[in-house]
């Protein structure tokens, strides 16, 4: 078979990802007829159908999808390496896209990120806040932030924060009315404020541990959030017991707005880690972000 034209493969990638010859041609800046002819040439040379065409859309065949999954990450690696080479001798620049939770942002990432943005004005950062465990490669993120126990084994992981724990808190008024739980199992008889993790099994089952005994308790209540700060506000206003990160509720317990319960049952979790595929580490702008976020105890 004749040597493959890499430029033609990039045209195939555009059609496969856009699922449209019209959109792909506009993206590439070529005539639609030229693009269609090129795809037919590739298929004829390979002796296999790569795309199925209808009057409404274009879809990859099984062979086309396999080809797309083969070439797309490799072309991305080439682009990253070229960007890294271009940046040699220049101020780091570029766009970094991260996915993380609200707690990770407020407690670890944002305090360390602010001076970086001031020192490197050519670096731009996009932060998507949610509690969803995302596939950073498929969804176009440069990196994500998760607890150490949740990071995939095939990713590079860099610790960016200390271990921390969740604590159960409630307002004095709530505890006066409903009593103080002495054991995690007592929570099933209390009004609790739930946390939803969209892709980690739905409603979070509260995790406790003491003297080697681990317990998971599913609680009930009137409210469910996917945001720790909203849970704290609801607890302050007497809507029940919340299980939230200790560091962001300390000022509320110090002031007496909230009272911590079941303290000896609250275990520590692995701290936050920045995780990413290996090919990202060569980009100068990304190196700046990783070094700034790295945990130094």
C-alpha atoms as a PDB file:
ATOM      1  CA  UNK A   1       0.000   0.000   0.000  1.00  0.00           C
ATOM      2  CA  UNK A   2       1.227   3.502  -0.802  1.00  0.00           C
ATOM      3  CA  UNK A   3       2.624   5.617   2.043  1.00  0.00           C
ATOM      4  CA  UNK A   4      -0.160   7.262   4.059  1.00  0.00           C
ATOM      5  CA  UNK A   5      -0.550  11.023   3.665  1.00  0.00           C
ATOM      6  CA  UNK A   6      -0.741  12.341   7.234  1.00  0.00           C
ATOM      7  CA  UNK A   7      -2.447  15.506   6.059  1.00  0.00           C
ATOM      8  CA  UNK A   8      -5.246  13.395   4.613  1.00  0.00           C
ATOM      9  CA  UNK A   9      -5.612  11.624   7.951  1.00  0.00           C
ATOM     10  CA  UNK A  10      -6.126  14.960   9.685  1.00  0.00           C
ATOM     11  CA  UNK A  11      -8.913  15.645   7.190  1.00  0.00           C
ATOM     12  CA  UNK A  12     -10.492  12.286   8.038  1.00  0.00           C
ATOM     13  CA  UNK A  13     -10.211  13.125  11.744  1.00  0.00           C
ATOM     14  CA  UNK A  14     -12.029  16.419  11.202  1.00  0.00           C
ATOM     15  CA  UNK A  15     -14.917  14.731   9.376  1.00  0.00           C
ATOM     16  CA  UNK A  16     -15.160  11.939  11.961  1.00  0.00           C
ATOM     17  CA  UNK A  17     -15.201  14.353  14.903  1.00  0.00           C
ATOM     18  CA  UNK A  18     -17.550  16.902  13.318  1.00  0.00           C
ATOM     19  CA  UNK A  19     -19.782  14.139  11.863  1.00  0.00           C
ATOM     20  CA  UNK A  20     -20.344  16.424   8.909  1.00  0.00           C
ATOM     21  CA  UNK A  21     -18.498  17.113   5.651  1.00  0.00           C
ATOM     22  CA  UNK A  22     -19.880  20.647   5.626  1.00  0.00           C
ATOM     23  CA  UNK A  23     -18.639  21.505   9.123  1.00  0.00           C
ATOM     24  CA  UNK A  24     -15.302  19.770   8.595  1.00  0.00           C
ATOM     25  CA  UNK A  25     -14.697  21.570   5.295  1.00  0.00           C
ATOM     26  CA  UNK A  26     -15.409  24.923   6.958  1.00  0.00           C
ATOM     27  CA  UNK A  27     -13.080  24.052   9.834  1.00  0.00           C
ATOM     28  CA  UNK A  28     -10.288  23.023   7.460  1.00  0.00           C
ATOM     29  CA  UNK A  29     -10.877  25.832   4.977  1.00  0.00           C
ATOM     30  CA  UNK A  30     -11.256  23.544   1.968  1.00  0.00           C
ATOM     31  CA  UNK A  31     -14.007  22.877  -0.530  1.00  0.00           C
ATOM     32  CA  UNK A  32     -16.481  20.215   0.525  1.00  0.00           C
ATOM     33  CA  UNK A  33     -16.066  18.392  -2.803  1.00  0.00           C
ATOM     34  CA  UNK A  34     -12.286  18.282  -2.306  1.00  0.00           C
ATOM     35  CA  UNK A  35     -12.716  16.903   1.198  1.00  0.00           C
ATOM     36  CA  UNK A  36     -15.190  14.238   0.058  1.00  0.00           C
ATOM     37  CA  UNK A  37     -12.849  13.192  -2.767  1.00  0.00           C
ATOM     38  CA  UNK A  38      -9.923  12.915  -0.319  1.00  0.00           C
ATOM     39  CA  UNK A  39     -11.877  10.660   2.041  1.00  0.00           C
ATOM     40  CA  UNK A  40     -12.821   8.397  -0.859  1.00  0.00           C
ATOM     41  CA  UNK A  41      -9.133   8.218  -1.804  1.00  0.00           C
ATOM     42  CA  UNK A  42      -8.198   7.109   1.716  1.00  0.00           C
ATOM     43  CA  UNK A  43     -10.920   4.454   1.734  1.00  0.00           C
ATOM     44  CA  UNK A  44      -9.875   3.189  -1.720  1.00  0.00           C
ATOM     45  CA  UNK A  45      -6.220   3.023  -0.705  1.00  0.00           C
ATOM     46  CA  UNK A  46      -7.027   1.160   2.534  1.00  0.00           C
ATOM     47  CA  UNK A  47      -9.643  -1.011   0.865  1.00  0.00           C
ATOM     48  CA  UNK A  48     -12.189  -0.456   3.636  1.00  0.00           C
ATOM     49  CA  UNK A  49     -15.141   1.828   4.385  1.00  0.00           C
ATOM     50  CA  UNK A  50     -14.343   4.344   7.135  1.00  0.00           C
ATOM     51  CA  UNK A  51     -17.486   6.482   7.102  1.00  0.00           C
ATOM     52  CA  UNK A  52     -21.172   5.884   6.541  1.00  0.00           C
ATOM     53  CA  UNK A  53     -22.952   8.770   4.859  1.00  0.00           C
ATOM     54  CA  UNK A  54     -26.636   9.634   4.981  1.00  0.00           C
ATOM     55  CA  UNK A  55     -28.539  12.726   3.901  1.00  0.00           C
ATOM     56  CA  UNK A  56     -28.468  13.989   7.475  1.00  0.00           C
ATOM     57  CA  UNK A  57     -25.151  13.031   9.007  1.00  0.00           C
ATOM     58  CA  UNK A  58     -21.889  11.152   8.817  1.00  0.00           C
ATOM     59  CA  UNK A  59     -20.814   8.399  11.205  1.00  0.00           C
ATOM     60  CA  UNK A  60     -17.692   6.287  11.549  1.00  0.00           C
ATOM     61  CA  UNK A  61     -17.780   2.582  10.792  1.00  0.00           C
ATOM     62  CA  UNK A  62     -16.131   0.192  13.247  1.00  0.00           C
ATOM     63  CA  UNK A  63     -12.921   0.495  11.208  1.00  0.00           C
ATOM     64  CA  UNK A  64     -13.259   4.273  11.025  1.00  0.00           C
ATOM     65  CA  UNK A  65     -13.724   4.547  14.775  1.00  0.00           C
ATOM     66  CA  UNK A  66     -10.651   2.389  15.357  1.00  0.00           C
ATOM     67  CA  UNK A  67      -8.621   4.603  13.035  1.00  0.00           C
ATOM     68  CA  UNK A  68      -9.880   7.738  14.773  1.00  0.00           C
ATOM     69  CA  UNK A  69      -8.960   6.402  18.229  1.00  0.00           C
ATOM     70  CA  UNK A  70      -5.510   5.542  16.869  1.00  0.00           C
ATOM     71  CA  UNK A  71      -4.601   8.819  15.210  1.00  0.00           C
ATOM     72  CA  UNK A  72      -6.333  11.419  17.410  1.00  0.00           C
ATOM     73  CA  UNK A  73      -4.157  11.028  20.539  1.00  0.00           C
ATOM     74  CA  UNK A  74      -0.990  10.804  18.441  1.00  0.00           C
ATOM     75  CA  UNK A  75      -1.741  14.000  16.536  1.00  0.00           C
ATOM     76  CA  UNK A  76      -2.508  15.647  19.893  1.00  0.00           C
ATOM     77  CA  UNK A  77       0.883  14.550  21.230  1.00  0.00           C
ATOM     78  CA  UNK A  78       2.609  15.991  18.165  1.00  0.00           C
ATOM     79  CA  UNK A  79       0.806  19.314  18.625  1.00  0.00           C
ATOM     80  CA  UNK A  80       1.784  19.406  22.299  1.00  0.00           C
ATOM     81  CA  UNK A  81       5.437  18.725  21.526  1.00  0.00           C
ATOM     82  CA  UNK A  82       5.501  21.419  18.857  1.00  0.00           C
ATOM     83  CA  UNK A  83       3.956  23.851  21.343  1.00  0.00           C
ATOM     84  CA  UNK A  84       6.591  22.907  23.907  1.00  0.00           C
ATOM     85  CA  UNK A  85       9.420  23.419  21.422  1.00  0.00           C
ATOM     86  CA  UNK A  86       7.982  26.729  20.298  1.00  0.00           C
ATOM     87  CA  UNK A  87       7.856  27.908  23.891  1.00  0.00           C
ATOM     88  CA  UNK A  88      11.539  27.257  24.543  1.00  0.00           C
ATOM     89  CA  UNK A  89      13.238  30.523  25.399  1.00  0.00           C
ATOM     90  CA  UNK A  90       9.907  32.300  25.734  1.00  0.00           C
ATOM     91  CA  UNK A  91       7.699  33.133  28.688  1.00  0.00           C
ATOM     92  CA  UNK A  92       5.361  30.192  29.427  1.00  0.00           C
ATOM     93  CA  UNK A  93       2.017  30.730  27.785  1.00  0.00           C
ATOM     94  CA  UNK A  94      -1.056  28.762  26.874  1.00  0.00           C
ATOM     95  CA  UNK A  95      -4.418  27.624  28.167  1.00  0.00           C
ATOM     96  CA  UNK A  96      -4.818  25.072  30.971  1.00  0.00           C
ATOM     97  CA  UNK A  97      -8.197  23.415  31.611  1.00  0.00           C
ATOM     98  CA  UNK A  98      -8.894  21.750  34.975  1.00  0.00           C
ATOM     99  CA  UNK A  99     -11.843  19.895  36.545  1.00  0.00           C
ATOM    100  CA  UNK A 100     -12.189  19.936  40.333  1.00  0.00           C
ATOM    101  CA  UNK A 101     -14.626  20.276  43.219  1.00  0.00           C
ATOM    102  CA  UNK A 102     -15.586  23.493  44.972  1.00  0.00           C
ATOM    103  CA  UNK A 103     -13.755  22.379  48.110  1.00  0.00           C
ATOM    104  CA  UNK A 104     -10.566  21.550  46.188  1.00  0.00           C
ATOM    105  CA  UNK A 105     -10.651  24.981  44.581  1.00  0.00           C
ATOM    106  CA  UNK A 106     -11.205  26.965  47.752  1.00  0.00           C
ATOM    107  CA  UNK A 107      -8.982  24.974  50.106  1.00  0.00           C
ATOM    108  CA  UNK A 108      -6.000  24.140  47.893  1.00  0.00           C
ATOM    109  CA  UNK A 109      -5.997  25.333  44.300  1.00  0.00           C
ATOM    110  CA  UNK A 110      -7.144  28.945  44.357  1.00  0.00           C
ATOM    111  CA  UNK A 111      -4.772  30.182  47.105  1.00  0.00           C
ATOM    112  CA  UNK A 112      -1.804  28.749  45.168  1.00  0.00           C
ATOM    113  CA  UNK A 113      -3.084  29.746  41.739  1.00  0.00           C
ATOM    114  CA  UNK A 114      -3.563  33.469  42.386  1.00  0.00           C
ATOM    115  CA  UNK A 115       0.149  34.382  42.478  1.00  0.00           C
ATOM    116  CA  UNK A 116       0.785  32.278  39.366  1.00  0.00           C
ATOM    117  CA  UNK A 117      -1.764  34.235  37.347  1.00  0.00           C
ATOM    118  CA  UNK A 118      -0.098  37.478  38.404  1.00  0.00           C
ATOM    119  CA  UNK A 119       3.402  36.242  37.594  1.00  0.00           C
ATOM    120  CA  UNK A 120       2.488  34.647  34.233  1.00  0.00           C
ATOM    121  CA  UNK A 121      -0.070  36.833  32.450  1.00  0.00           C
ATOM    122  CA  UNK A 122       0.192  34.753  29.262  1.00  0.00           C
ATOM    123  CA  UNK A 123      -1.133  31.629  31.009  1.00  0.00           C
ATOM    124  CA  UNK A 124      -4.921  31.301  31.016  1.00  0.00           C
ATOM    125  CA  UNK A 125      -6.759  28.814  33.213  1.00  0.00           C
ATOM    126  CA  UNK A 126     -10.283  27.408  32.867  1.00  0.00           C
ATOM    127  CA  UNK A 127     -11.749  25.757  35.978  1.00  0.00           C
ATOM    128  CA  UNK A 128     -14.847  23.542  35.820  1.00  0.00           C
ATOM    129  CA  UNK A 129     -16.324  23.048  39.288  1.00  0.00           C
ATOM    130  CA  UNK A 130     -18.391  19.943  39.982  1.00  0.00           C
ATOM    131  CA  UNK A 131     -18.277  16.707  41.956  1.00  0.00           C
ATOM    132  CA  UNK A 132     -18.340  14.506  38.871  1.00  0.00           C
ATOM    133  CA  UNK A 133     -15.503  12.063  38.149  1.00  0.00           C
ATOM    134  CA  UNK A 134     -14.718  13.028  34.572  1.00  0.00           C
ATOM    135  CA  UNK A 135     -12.644  11.335  31.889  1.00  0.00           C
ATOM    136  CA  UNK A 136     -10.141  14.134  31.414  1.00  0.00           C
ATOM    137  CA  UNK A 137      -8.719  12.721  28.181  1.00  0.00           C
ATOM    138  CA  UNK A 138     -12.056  12.243  26.418  1.00  0.00           C
ATOM    139  CA  UNK A 139     -13.484  15.557  27.670  1.00  0.00           C
ATOM    140  CA  UNK A 140     -10.500  17.713  26.751  1.00  0.00           C
ATOM    141  CA  UNK A 141      -9.137  18.578  30.204  1.00  0.00           C
ATOM    142  CA  UNK A 142      -5.422  19.001  30.813  1.00  0.00           C
ATOM    143  CA  UNK A 143      -5.746  17.700  34.361  1.00  0.00           C
ATOM    144  CA  UNK A 144      -8.151  17.000  37.187  1.00  0.00           C
ATOM    145  CA  UNK A 145      -8.108  17.159  40.971  1.00  0.00           C
ATOM    146  CA  UNK A 146      -9.317  14.245  43.104  1.00  0.00           C
ATOM    147  CA  UNK A 147      -8.647  12.589  46.440  1.00  0.00           C
ATOM    148  CA  UNK A 148      -5.671  10.266  46.190  1.00  0.00           C
ATOM    149  CA  UNK A 149      -7.769   7.113  46.549  1.00  0.00           C
ATOM    150  CA  UNK A 150      -9.828   8.038  43.467  1.00  0.00           C
ATOM    151  CA  UNK A 151      -7.025   8.676  40.957  1.00  0.00           C
ATOM    152  CA  UNK A 152      -6.767   6.180  38.087  1.00  0.00           C
ATOM    153  CA  UNK A 153      -3.621   4.047  38.135  1.00  0.00           C
ATOM    154  CA  UNK A 154      -2.579   5.003  34.585  1.00  0.00           C
ATOM    155  CA  UNK A 155      -2.366   8.703  35.449  1.00  0.00           C
ATOM    156  CA  UNK A 156       0.520  10.719  36.815  1.00  0.00           C
ATOM    157  CA  UNK A 157      -0.536  11.971  40.260  1.00  0.00           C
ATOM    158  CA  UNK A 158       1.003  14.884  42.169  1.00  0.00           C
ATOM    159  CA  UNK A 159      -0.050  15.576  45.751  1.00  0.00           C
ATOM    160  CA  UNK A 160      -1.242  19.173  46.092  1.00  0.00           C
ATOM    161  CA  UNK A 161      -2.735  19.205  49.588  1.00  0.00           C
ATOM    162  CA  UNK A 162      -2.591  17.556  53.043  1.00  0.00           C
ATOM    163  CA  UNK A 163      -4.866  14.779  54.278  1.00  0.00           C
ATOM    164  CA  UNK A 164      -8.189  16.051  55.613  1.00  0.00           C
ATOM    165  CA  UNK A 165     -11.433  14.774  57.036  1.00  0.00           C
ATOM    166  CA  UNK A 166     -15.170  15.272  56.998  1.00  0.00           C
ATOM    167  CA  UNK A 167     -16.912  16.187  60.254  1.00  0.00           C
ATOM    168  CA  UNK A 168     -20.538  16.032  61.329  1.00  0.00           C
ATOM    169  CA  UNK A 169     -21.944  19.376  62.469  1.00  0.00           C
ATOM    170  CA  UNK A 170     -25.308  20.799  63.481  1.00  0.00           C
ATOM    171  CA  UNK A 171     -26.669  23.999  64.980  1.00  0.00           C
ATOM    172  CA  UNK A 172     -27.147  24.260  68.776  1.00  0.00           C
ATOM    173  CA  UNK A 173     -30.882  24.719  68.197  1.00  0.00           C
ATOM    174  CA  UNK A 174     -31.121  21.495  66.188  1.00  0.00           C
ATOM    175  CA  UNK A 175     -29.236  19.489  68.835  1.00  0.00           C
ATOM    176  CA  UNK A 176     -31.360  20.961  71.661  1.00  0.00           C
ATOM    177  CA  UNK A 177     -34.477  19.804  69.833  1.00  0.00           C
ATOM    178  CA  UNK A 178     -33.328  16.410  68.520  1.00  0.00           C
ATOM    179  CA  UNK A 179     -30.508  15.355  70.824  1.00  0.00           C
ATOM    180  CA  UNK A 180     -26.825  14.624  70.214  1.00  0.00           C
ATOM    181  CA  UNK A 181     -25.934  11.436  68.279  1.00  0.00           C
ATOM    182  CA  UNK A 182     -23.466   9.281  70.231  1.00  0.00           C
ATOM    183  CA  UNK A 183     -22.820   6.695  67.503  1.00  0.00           C
ATOM    184  CA  UNK A 184     -22.933   6.916  63.680  1.00  0.00           C
ATOM    185  CA  UNK A 185     -25.907   4.532  63.622  1.00  0.00           C
ATOM    186  CA  UNK A 186     -27.870   7.111  65.620  1.00  0.00           C
ATOM    187  CA  UNK A 187     -27.893   9.263  62.476  1.00  0.00           C
ATOM    188  CA  UNK A 188     -30.631   7.140  60.897  1.00  0.00           C
ATOM    189  CA  UNK A 189     -33.021   8.654  63.449  1.00  0.00           C
ATOM    190  CA  UNK A 190     -31.844  12.208  62.752  1.00  0.00           C
ATOM    191  CA  UNK A 191     -32.568  14.758  60.034  1.00  0.00           C
ATOM    192  CA  UNK A 192     -29.441  14.941  57.875  1.00  0.00           C
ATOM    193  CA  UNK A 193     -28.335  17.026  54.916  1.00  0.00           C
ATOM    194  CA  UNK A 194     -27.275  14.799  52.057  1.00  0.00           C
ATOM    195  CA  UNK A 195     -24.520  15.210  49.462  1.00  0.00           C
ATOM    196  CA  UNK A 196     -24.979  13.957  45.901  1.00  0.00           C
ATOM    197  CA  UNK A 197     -22.021  12.739  43.836  1.00  0.00           C
ATOM    198  CA  UNK A 198     -23.363  12.492  40.297  1.00  0.00           C
ATOM    199  CA  UNK A 199     -21.076   9.714  39.051  1.00  0.00           C
ATOM    200  CA  UNK A 200     -19.907   8.098  42.281  1.00  0.00           C
ATOM    201  CA  UNK A 201     -23.023   6.181  43.205  1.00  0.00           C
ATOM    202  CA  UNK A 202     -25.535   8.987  43.660  1.00  0.00           C
ATOM    203  CA  UNK A 203     -26.160  10.002  47.283  1.00  0.00           C
ATOM    204  CA  UNK A 204     -22.999   9.818  49.384  1.00  0.00           C
ATOM    205  CA  UNK A 205     -23.065   7.298  52.239  1.00  0.00           C
ATOM    206  CA  UNK A 206     -21.324   8.902  55.221  1.00  0.00           C
ATOM    207  CA  UNK A 207     -18.054   7.124  56.058  1.00  0.00           C
ATOM    208  CA  UNK A 208     -16.905   6.694  59.661  1.00  0.00           C
ATOM    209  CA  UNK A 209     -14.118   4.765  61.385  1.00  0.00           C
ATOM    210  CA  UNK A 210     -13.001   4.137  64.955  1.00  0.00           C
ATOM    211  CA  UNK A 211     -10.557   1.597  66.411  1.00  0.00           C
ATOM    212  CA  UNK A 212     -10.364  -0.210  63.095  1.00  0.00           C
ATOM    213  CA  UNK A 213     -14.159  -0.444  62.736  1.00  0.00           C
ATOM    214  CA  UNK A 214     -15.414   1.178  59.518  1.00  0.00           C
ATOM    215  CA  UNK A 215     -19.053   2.139  59.001  1.00  0.00           C
ATOM    216  CA  UNK A 216     -21.007   3.577  56.095  1.00  0.00           C
ATOM    217  CA  UNK A 217     -24.310   5.190  57.037  1.00  0.00           C
ATOM    218  CA  UNK A 218     -27.004   6.226  54.583  1.00  0.00           C
ATOM    219  CA  UNK A 219     -28.880   9.138  56.082  1.00  0.00           C
ATOM    220  CA  UNK A 220     -32.161  10.852  55.288  1.00  0.00           C
ATOM    221  CA  UNK A 221     -33.404  14.400  55.409  1.00  0.00           C
ATOM    222  CA  UNK A 222     -35.255  17.165  53.644  1.00  0.00           C
ATOM    223  CA  UNK A 223     -32.293  18.557  51.707  1.00  0.00           C
ATOM    224  CA  UNK A 224     -29.700  17.230  49.257  1.00  0.00           C
ATOM    225  CA  UNK A 225     -26.904  19.345  47.744  1.00  0.00           C
ATOM    226  CA  UNK A 226     -23.843  18.841  45.575  1.00  0.00           C
ATOM    227  CA  UNK A 227     -22.067  21.757  47.243  1.00  0.00           C
ATOM    228  CA  UNK A 228     -20.421  21.719  50.686  1.00  0.00           C
ATOM    229  CA  UNK A 229     -20.907  25.438  51.310  1.00  0.00           C
ATOM    230  CA  UNK A 230     -24.658  25.172  50.764  1.00  0.00           C
ATOM    231  CA  UNK A 231     -24.748  22.254  53.219  1.00  0.00           C
ATOM    232  CA  UNK A 232     -23.009  24.355  55.857  1.00  0.00           C
ATOM    233  CA  UNK A 233     -25.484  27.203  55.407  1.00  0.00           C
ATOM    234  CA  UNK A 234     -28.398  24.776  55.751  1.00  0.00           C
ATOM    235  CA  UNK A 235     -26.896  23.325  58.930  1.00  0.00           C
ATOM    236  CA  UNK A 236     -26.399  26.806  60.423  1.00  0.00           C
ATOM    237  CA  UNK A 237     -30.081  27.477  59.777  1.00  0.00           C
ATOM    238  CA  UNK A 238     -31.152  24.349  61.635  1.00  0.00           C
ATOM    239  CA  UNK A 239     -32.103  22.054  58.738  1.00  0.00           C
ATOM    240  CA  UNK A 240     -30.177  19.100  60.130  1.00  0.00           C
ATOM    241  CA  UNK A 241     -26.759  17.509  60.541  1.00  0.00           C
ATOM    242  CA  UNK A 242     -24.231  18.006  57.742  1.00  0.00           C
ATOM    243  CA  UNK A 243     -21.067  16.021  56.978  1.00  0.00           C
ATOM    244  CA  UNK A 244     -18.621  18.506  55.500  1.00  0.00           C
ATOM    245  CA  UNK A 245     -14.852  19.194  55.167  1.00  0.00           C
ATOM    246  CA  UNK A 246     -13.440  20.243  58.526  1.00  0.00           C
ATOM    247  CA  UNK A 247     -11.290  23.085  57.209  1.00  0.00           C
ATOM    248  CA  UNK A 248     -14.178  25.058  55.707  1.00  0.00           C
ATOM    249  CA  UNK A 249     -16.437  24.732  58.736  1.00  0.00           C
ATOM    250  CA  UNK A 250     -13.868  25.600  61.433  1.00  0.00           C
ATOM    251  CA  UNK A 251     -14.913  29.240  61.732  1.00  0.00           C
ATOM    252  CA  UNK A 252     -18.536  28.179  62.239  1.00  0.00           C
ATOM    253  CA  UNK A 253     -17.631  25.765  65.043  1.00  0.00           C
ATOM    254  CA  UNK A 254     -15.232  28.277  66.583  1.00  0.00           C
ATOM    255  CA  UNK A 255     -17.976  30.911  66.724  1.00  0.00           C
ATOM    256  CA  UNK A 256     -20.579  28.504  68.096  1.00  0.00           C
ATOM    257  CA  UNK A 257     -22.836  28.670  65.069  1.00  0.00           C
ATOM    258  CA  UNK A 258     -22.305  24.936  64.630  1.00  0.00           C
ATOM    259  CA  UNK A 259     -21.352  22.155  67.032  1.00  0.00           C
ATOM    260  CA  UNK A 260     -19.238  19.205  65.952  1.00  0.00           C
ATOM    261  CA  UNK A 261     -20.495  15.722  66.859  1.00  0.00           C
ATOM    262  CA  UNK A 262     -19.066  12.196  66.485  1.00  0.00           C
ATOM    263  CA  UNK A 263     -15.551  13.675  66.369  1.00  0.00           C
ATOM    264  CA  UNK A 264     -13.824  10.419  67.332  1.00  0.00           C
ATOM    265  CA  UNK A 265     -15.555   8.644  64.420  1.00  0.00           C
ATOM    266  CA  UNK A 266     -14.324  11.044  61.707  1.00  0.00           C
ATOM    267  CA  UNK A 267     -11.372   9.514  59.789  1.00  0.00           C
ATOM    268  CA  UNK A 268      -8.813  11.276  57.630  1.00  0.00           C
ATOM    269  CA  UNK A 269      -8.874  10.847  53.834  1.00  0.00           C
ATOM    270  CA  UNK A 270      -5.999  11.033  51.360  1.00  0.00           C
ATOM    271  CA  UNK A 271      -5.493  14.656  50.365  1.00  0.00           C
ATOM    272  CA  UNK A 272      -6.052  16.127  46.929  1.00  0.00           C
ATOM    273  CA  UNK A 273      -3.892  15.115  43.982  1.00  0.00           C
ATOM    274  CA  UNK A 274      -3.508  16.713  40.561  1.00  0.00           C
ATOM    275  CA  UNK A 275      -3.684  13.921  37.977  1.00  0.00           C
ATOM    276  CA  UNK A 276      -2.971  13.992  34.253  1.00  0.00           C
ATOM    277  CA  UNK A 277      -1.775  11.855  31.321  1.00  0.00           C
ATOM    278  CA  UNK A 278       1.984  11.767  30.842  1.00  0.00           C
ATOM    279  CA  UNK A 279       1.994  13.726  27.586  1.00  0.00           C
ATOM    280  CA  UNK A 280       0.871  16.921  29.340  1.00  0.00           C
ATOM    281  CA  UNK A 281       3.995  17.248  31.481  1.00  0.00           C
ATOM    282  CA  UNK A 282       6.182  18.639  28.658  1.00  0.00           C
ATOM    283  CA  UNK A 283       4.196  21.843  28.165  1.00  0.00           C
ATOM    284  CA  UNK A 284       5.934  24.814  29.882  1.00  0.00           C
ATOM    285  CA  UNK A 285       2.681  26.441  31.022  1.00  0.00           C
ATOM    286  CA  UNK A 286       1.493  23.167  32.496  1.00  0.00           C
ATOM    287  CA  UNK A 287       4.795  22.686  34.316  1.00  0.00           C
ATOM    288  CA  UNK A 288       4.326  26.098  35.936  1.00  0.00           C
ATOM    289  CA  UNK A 289       0.859  25.131  37.189  1.00  0.00           C
ATOM    290  CA  UNK A 290       1.989  21.746  38.518  1.00  0.00           C
ATOM    291  CA  UNK A 291       4.962  23.231  40.349  1.00  0.00           C
ATOM    292  CA  UNK A 292       2.816  25.951  41.915  1.00  0.00           C
ATOM    293  CA  UNK A 293       0.191  23.498  43.148  1.00  0.00           C
ATOM    294  CA  UNK A 294       2.627  20.833  44.407  1.00  0.00           C
ATOM    295  CA  UNK A 295       2.209  20.136  48.136  1.00  0.00           C
ATOM    296  CA  UNK A 296       5.190  21.011  50.315  1.00  0.00           C
ATOM    297  CA  UNK A 297       4.693  20.110  53.964  1.00  0.00           C
END
